[in-house]
Amino acid sequence: MTKIKTLHWPLIVGLGVFALFRPVIRVIEDQAGLHTGPGVPIGLTLAISVVWILAIGLSRVAEPLLTGIFTGLSYAVLAGVLSAILSPILQGQLQGPLTNVAALVMMLITNAVWGAIVGAVATAIRTMRRSRRQDNSFSNHNAG
């Protein structure tokens, strides 16, 4: 529980908010009658993942894996809220994961797993950067 209290919550929420451009683009596509197929959502998910990996991996957060998991969860909650706000306006009634407990649970799990994968990759990047810095420091020390 102590680890959760020490997480960088502004970064977590900020990255969750950033990822909302994915459902917003989907809403715009739907409203404009565009049917782009699976390529756009997949591309957006990959782009969001890269931003999350870089933001978490290059920052100095203490727990990159947990930061990734909670980033995914924060996105899930924010996307659920966005759906609850927009679906009555655009569809005339509340729709989406908030109307189905199983869908809500699956959305949370899916996004937590996405965040865990991102956090694991960010951790690997951080480990490689640290290792390379130590190797450079060692070789520079021995060269002198």
Protein backbone atom coordinates (compact mmCIF):
# COMPACT_ATOMS: atom_id res chain seq x y z
CA MET A 1 0.00 0.00 0.00
CA THR A 2 2.93 2.33 0.70
CA LYS A 3 4.12 1.96 -2.90
CA ILE A 4 0.74 3.13 -4.20
CA LYS A 5 0.92 6.28 -2.07
CA THR A 6 4.33 7.15 -3.53
CA LEU A 7 3.26 6.86 -7.18
CA HIS A 8 3.46 9.97 -9.36
CA TRP A 9 -0.30 10.58 -9.63
CA PRO A 10 -0.15 13.70 -11.83
CA LEU A 11 1.80 11.68 -14.43
CA ILE A 12 -0.60 8.73 -14.16
CA VAL A 13 -3.72 10.86 -14.58
CA GLY A 14 -2.06 13.00 -17.26
CA LEU A 15 -1.20 9.92 -19.32
CA GLY A 16 -4.74 8.60 -18.81
CA VAL A 17 -6.18 11.90 -20.06
CA PHE A 18 -3.76 11.88 -23.01
CA ALA A 19 -5.08 8.45 -24.05
CA LEU A 20 -8.63 9.82 -24.25
CA PHE A 21 -7.82 11.06 -27.73
CA ARG A 22 -8.40 7.46 -28.86
CA PRO A 23 -12.11 7.30 -27.91
CA VAL A 24 -12.61 10.94 -28.94
CA ILE A 25 -11.30 10.12 -32.42
CA ARG A 26 -13.65 7.12 -32.54
CA VAL A 27 -16.60 9.36 -31.64
CA ILE A 28 -15.60 11.85 -34.35
CA GLU A 29 -15.32 9.02 -36.89
CA ASP A 30 -18.74 7.67 -35.91
CA GLN A 31 -20.37 11.11 -36.05
CA ALA A 32 -18.78 11.84 -39.44
CA GLY A 33 -19.84 8.45 -40.79
CA LEU A 34 -16.25 7.39 -41.42
CA HIS A 35 -15.39 3.71 -41.32
CA THR A 36 -11.62 3.45 -41.13
CA GLY A 37 -11.46 -0.19 -40.08
CA PRO A 38 -9.22 -1.61 -37.37
CA GLY A 39 -6.05 0.17 -38.53
CA VAL A 40 -6.82 3.51 -36.88
CA PRO A 41 -7.64 2.16 -33.39
CA ILE A 42 -4.63 -0.15 -33.50
CA GLY A 43 -2.37 2.68 -34.64
CA LEU A 44 -3.73 4.98 -31.95
CA THR A 45 -3.20 2.31 -29.29
CA LEU A 46 0.38 1.80 -30.44
CA ALA A 47 1.02 5.56 -30.44
CA ILE A 48 -0.41 5.90 -26.93
CA SER A 49 1.70 2.94 -25.80
CA VAL A 50 4.87 4.54 -27.15
CA VAL A 51 4.10 7.82 -25.37
CA TRP A 52 3.34 5.97 -22.12
CA ILE A 53 6.53 3.88 -22.40
CA LEU A 54 8.68 6.95 -23.03
CA ALA A 55 7.01 9.04 -20.33
CA ILE A 56 7.32 6.29 -17.71
CA GLY A 57 10.64 4.84 -18.86
CA LEU A 58 12.48 8.14 -19.19
CA SER A 59 11.05 9.68 -16.02
CA ARG A 60 12.33 9.07 -12.53
CA VAL A 61 9.18 7.42 -11.18
CA ALA A 62 10.00 4.99 -8.41
CA GLU A 63 7.72 2.19 -9.63
CA PRO A 64 7.44 2.07 -13.43
CA LEU A 65 5.45 -1.18 -13.48
CA LEU A 66 2.87 0.05 -10.97
CA THR A 67 2.81 3.42 -12.71
CA GLY A 68 1.92 1.65 -15.96
CA ILE A 69 -0.80 -0.44 -14.32
CA PHE A 70 -2.40 2.58 -12.67
CA THR A 71 -2.07 4.58 -15.90
CA GLY A 72 -4.10 1.88 -17.64
CA LEU A 73 -6.65 1.89 -14.83
CA SER A 74 -6.86 5.68 -14.86
CA TYR A 75 -7.52 5.60 -18.60
CA ALA A 76 -10.24 2.96 -18.10
CA VAL A 77 -12.01 5.06 -15.47
CA LEU A 78 -11.72 8.25 -17.53
CA ALA A 79 -12.94 6.49 -20.70
CA GLY A 80 -15.90 5.11 -18.73
CA VAL A 81 -16.75 8.60 -17.48
CA LEU A 82 -16.40 10.00 -21.01
CA SER A 83 -18.72 7.28 -22.30
CA ALA A 84 -21.25 8.06 -19.55
CA ILE A 85 -21.20 11.73 -20.52
CA LEU A 86 -21.25 11.34 -24.31
CA SER A 87 -23.55 8.33 -24.83
CA PRO A 88 -26.73 10.05 -23.58
CA ILE A 89 -25.92 13.09 -25.71
CA LEU A 90 -25.00 11.17 -28.88
CA GLN A 91 -27.13 8.02 -28.51
CA GLY A 92 -30.04 9.32 -26.44
CA GLN A 93 -29.37 6.94 -23.54
CA LEU A 94 -26.58 5.72 -21.29
CA GLN A 95 -24.58 3.02 -23.05
CA GLY A 96 -21.17 1.50 -22.66
CA PRO A 97 -19.34 -0.26 -19.86
CA LEU A 98 -21.14 1.53 -17.04
CA THR A 99 -24.37 -0.23 -18.01
CA ASN A 100 -22.86 -3.71 -17.73
CA VAL A 101 -20.83 -4.82 -14.71
CA ALA A 102 -19.05 -7.60 -16.62
CA ALA A 103 -18.03 -5.15 -19.36
CA LEU A 104 -16.80 -2.68 -16.74
CA VAL A 105 -14.70 -5.33 -15.00
CA MET A 106 -13.26 -6.52 -18.33
CA MET A 107 -12.46 -2.93 -19.31
CA LEU A 108 -10.57 -2.41 -16.05
CA ILE A 109 -8.69 -5.70 -16.40
CA THR A 110 -7.83 -5.12 -20.06
CA ASN A 111 -6.47 -1.64 -19.41
CA ALA A 112 -4.58 -2.76 -16.30
CA VAL A 113 -2.91 -5.49 -18.40
CA TRP A 114 -2.14 -2.93 -21.14
CA GLY A 115 -0.59 -0.70 -18.48
CA ALA A 116 1.37 -3.62 -17.03
CA ILE A 117 2.84 -4.43 -20.45
CA VAL A 118 3.74 -0.77 -20.97
CA GLY A 119 5.20 -0.58 -17.45
CA ALA A 120 7.27 -3.73 -18.04
CA VAL A 121 8.68 -2.32 -21.29
CA ALA A 122 9.39 1.01 -19.57
CA THR A 123 11.18 -0.88 -16.79
CA ALA A 124 13.27 -2.75 -19.37
CA ILE A 125 14.19 0.52 -21.09
CA ARG A 126 15.18 2.03 -17.77
CA THR A 127 17.29 -1.02 -16.90
CA MET A 128 19.06 -0.90 -20.28
CA ARG A 129 19.74 2.83 -19.91
CA ARG A 130 21.14 2.31 -16.42
CA SER A 131 23.29 -0.57 -17.58
CA ARG A 132 24.63 1.44 -20.51
CA ARG A 133 25.42 4.40 -18.23
CA GLN A 134 27.29 2.11 -15.86
CA ASP A 135 29.20 0.55 -18.77
CA ASN A 136 30.13 4.01 -20.07
CA SER A 137 31.14 5.16 -16.62
CA PHE A 138 33.26 2.04 -16.15
CA SER A 139 34.97 2.37 -19.55
CA ASN A 140 35.59 6.12 -19.03
CA HIS A 141 37.03 5.44 -15.59
CA ASN A 142 39.37 2.76 -16.95
CA ALA A 143 40.40 4.91 -19.94
CA GLY A 144 41.82 7.64 -17.67
